[in-house]
Amino acid sequence: MPFASEDQHLLDTVVAIVAAYLLALPVGWEREAKSAARVGLRTLPLVSVGSCAYLLIARYLYERGIFDADGQARSLRAMMTGIGFIGGGAILKRAAHVEGVGGMTTAASVWTMGALGASIAHGYYTFAVVLSLTSLVVVDVTGRLTTGRRGQSERPGAPAGGDAE
């Protein structure tokens, strides 16, 4: 196997990783401000960057003939499962402090940021931008509408962002 310095994908890798980071930041910012689980500016970009990196590796292995298409699909499935485990941690952490189940929005954000990173790894930058903007609208704008409709008095101890959804 050739030494890593001969990597022909350096620019592609750097652009993809930076894009995965930057597109996850708005949702991370919103979750940092409103999530009691404290999953935000560090975790969500790391999930996006990590999923992008794993799938870039799978793509590069496919291009070298080491993986077949099935190997790429297995990598995506395994990554999705692993990210679900991280999201489960956000739910459990939140649920330990509040009656009922909480942290669902944050867990869904974690999983969605994995999809964002995966889309960038496969070159779907437009898809990733739309996913980032849609996610931000869901967690921020829709969260405000939900909180305004329910009111804080119904949910004692719930954060202002409506993270119990």
Protein backbone atom coordinates (compact mmCIF):
# COMPACT_ATOMS: atom_id res chain seq x y z
CA MET A 1 0.00 0.00 0.00
CA PRO A 2 1.50 3.38 -0.95
CA PHE A 3 2.54 5.86 1.69
CA ALA A 4 -0.18 8.36 2.70
CA SER A 5 1.76 11.34 1.31
CA GLU A 6 0.92 10.07 -2.17
CA ASP A 7 -2.79 10.59 -1.46
CA GLN A 8 -4.36 11.98 -4.61
CA HIS A 9 -7.46 12.97 -2.69
CA LEU A 10 -5.91 15.58 -0.40
CA LEU A 11 -7.83 18.62 -1.70
CA ASP A 12 -11.09 16.66 -1.94
CA THR A 13 -10.63 15.44 1.63
CA VAL A 14 -9.83 18.87 3.06
CA VAL A 15 -12.76 20.53 1.28
CA ALA A 16 -15.16 17.78 2.38
CA ILE A 17 -14.07 17.83 6.03
CA VAL A 18 -14.21 21.64 6.23
CA ALA A 19 -17.65 21.66 4.56
CA ALA A 20 -18.93 18.99 6.96
CA TYR A 21 -17.72 21.11 9.88
CA LEU A 22 -19.10 24.43 8.62
CA LEU A 23 -22.51 23.07 7.64
CA ALA A 24 -23.00 21.44 11.05
CA LEU A 25 -22.13 24.62 12.97
CA PRO A 26 -25.53 26.39 12.71
CA VAL A 27 -27.40 23.41 14.16
CA GLY A 28 -24.65 22.90 16.75
CA TRP A 29 -24.96 26.55 17.77
CA GLU A 30 -28.71 26.25 18.21
CA ARG A 31 -28.50 22.98 20.16
CA GLU A 32 -25.74 24.38 22.39
CA ALA A 33 -28.02 27.25 23.36
CA LYS A 34 -31.20 25.24 23.89
CA SER A 35 -30.29 21.64 24.69
CA ALA A 36 -30.04 20.55 28.29
CA ALA A 37 -27.91 17.61 27.09
CA ARG A 38 -25.16 20.08 26.11
CA VAL A 39 -24.75 18.45 22.73
CA GLY A 40 -23.95 21.29 20.38
CA LEU A 41 -20.95 23.18 19.09
CA ARG A 42 -18.48 20.39 19.69
CA THR A 43 -20.49 17.21 19.30
CA LEU A 44 -22.58 17.91 16.20
CA PRO A 45 -19.69 19.12 14.01
CA LEU A 46 -17.61 16.15 15.20
CA VAL A 47 -20.41 13.76 14.22
CA SER A 48 -20.64 15.41 10.80
CA VAL A 49 -16.87 15.44 10.27
CA GLY A 50 -16.45 11.90 11.57
CA SER A 51 -19.18 10.45 9.38
CA CYS A 52 -17.74 12.31 6.41
CA ALA A 53 -14.28 10.94 7.14
CA TYR A 54 -15.44 7.33 7.52
CA LEU A 55 -17.33 7.44 4.25
CA LEU A 56 -14.48 9.19 2.45
CA ILE A 57 -12.26 6.32 3.54
CA ALA A 58 -14.85 3.82 2.27
CA ARG A 59 -15.08 5.72 -1.03
CA TYR A 60 -11.31 5.81 -1.45
CA LEU A 61 -11.08 2.08 -0.65
CA TYR A 62 -13.71 1.46 -3.30
CA GLU A 63 -11.73 3.51 -5.83
CA ARG A 64 -8.62 1.42 -5.06
CA GLY A 65 -10.56 -1.81 -5.54
CA ILE A 66 -10.30 -2.82 -1.88
CA PHE A 67 -14.02 -2.34 -1.19
CA ASP A 68 -16.82 -3.25 -3.53
CA ALA A 69 -20.15 -1.39 -3.63
CA ASP A 70 -21.44 -3.67 -0.89
CA GLY A 71 -18.51 -2.66 1.33
CA GLN A 72 -19.43 0.98 0.88
CA ALA A 73 -23.05 0.24 1.80
CA ARG A 74 -21.96 -1.70 4.89
CA SER A 75 -19.80 1.26 5.95
CA LEU A 76 -22.79 3.59 5.68
CA ARG A 77 -25.03 1.22 7.64
CA ALA A 78 -22.44 0.78 10.39
CA MET A 79 -21.91 4.53 10.64
CA MET A 80 -25.65 5.16 10.93
CA THR A 81 -25.90 2.62 13.74
CA GLY A 82 -22.98 4.11 15.62
CA ILE A 83 -24.40 7.61 15.36
CA GLY A 84 -27.72 6.30 16.67
CA PHE A 85 -25.83 5.08 19.74
CA ILE A 86 -24.48 8.61 20.34
CA GLY A 87 -28.00 10.02 19.97
CA GLY A 88 -29.25 7.45 22.48
CA GLY A 89 -26.74 8.83 24.95
CA ALA A 90 -28.24 12.30 24.52
CA ILE A 91 -31.69 10.90 25.29
CA LEU A 92 -30.53 8.98 28.36
CA LYS A 93 -28.55 11.92 29.72
CA ARG A 94 -31.56 14.20 29.37
CA ALA A 95 -34.04 11.66 30.72
CA ALA A 96 -32.01 11.19 33.91
CA HIS A 97 -32.70 14.79 34.94
CA VAL A 98 -36.29 15.34 33.80
CA GLU A 99 -39.52 13.39 34.11
CA GLY A 100 -40.41 11.61 30.91
CA VAL A 101 -38.24 11.24 27.83
CA GLY A 102 -36.17 14.22 26.75
CA GLY A 103 -33.38 14.90 24.33
CA MET A 104 -35.17 13.54 21.29
CA THR A 105 -34.57 16.67 19.21
CA THR A 106 -30.90 16.65 20.11
CA ALA A 107 -30.63 12.93 19.31
CA ALA A 108 -32.31 13.51 15.96
CA SER A 109 -29.91 16.39 15.32
CA VAL A 110 -26.96 14.09 16.00
CA TRP A 111 -28.28 11.52 13.55
CA THR A 112 -29.05 14.17 10.91
CA MET A 113 -25.55 15.65 11.18
CA GLY A 114 -24.26 12.17 10.40
CA ALA A 115 -26.33 12.23 7.22
CA LEU A 116 -24.93 15.66 6.44
CA GLY A 117 -21.37 14.37 6.70
CA ALA A 118 -22.25 11.30 4.65
CA SER A 119 -23.75 13.41 1.86
CA ILE A 120 -20.61 15.54 1.70
CA ALA A 121 -18.38 12.45 1.62
CA HIS A 122 -20.19 11.31 -1.51
CA GLY A 123 -20.03 14.75 -3.14
CA TYR A 124 -23.62 15.85 -2.57
CA TYR A 125 -22.82 19.35 -1.34
CA THR A 126 -26.14 20.87 -2.42
CA PHE A 127 -27.97 18.13 -0.53
CA ALA A 128 -25.83 18.88 2.54
CA VAL A 129 -26.58 22.61 2.39
CA VAL A 130 -30.32 21.94 2.10
CA LEU A 131 -30.11 19.43 4.96
CA SER A 132 -28.24 21.92 7.15
CA LEU A 133 -30.74 24.72 6.49
CA THR A 134 -33.73 22.42 6.93
CA SER A 135 -32.33 21.09 10.20
CA LEU A 136 -31.78 24.61 11.48
CA VAL A 137 -35.35 25.58 10.61
CA VAL A 138 -36.68 22.47 12.36
CA VAL A 139 -34.73 22.89 15.59
CA ASP A 140 -34.88 26.68 15.82
CA VAL A 141 -37.95 28.08 14.08
CA THR A 142 -40.22 25.08 14.63
CA GLY A 143 -38.89 24.77 18.18
CA ARG A 144 -39.99 28.35 18.88
CA LEU A 145 -43.44 27.65 17.48
CA THR A 146 -43.78 24.49 19.58
CA THR A 147 -42.61 26.19 22.77
CA GLY A 148 -44.94 29.11 22.18
CA ARG A 149 -47.88 26.81 21.59
CA ARG A 150 -47.33 24.59 24.62
CA GLY A 151 -46.03 27.18 27.03
CA GLN A 152 -43.42 26.49 29.66
CA SER A 153 -45.96 25.90 32.43
CA GLU A 154 -46.93 22.51 30.96
CA ARG A 155 -43.38 21.20 31.07
CA PRO A 156 -41.53 22.12 34.25
CA GLY A 157 -37.76 21.80 33.93
CA ALA A 158 -37.85 21.69 30.12
CA PRO A 159 -35.40 23.94 28.29
CA ALA A 160 -36.63 26.95 26.36
CA GLY A 161 -35.85 25.27 23.02
CA GLY A 162 -38.45 22.53 23.36
CA ASP A 163 -35.91 19.70 23.36
CA ALA A 164 -38.37 17.16 24.75
CA GLU A 165 -39.87 16.51 21.30
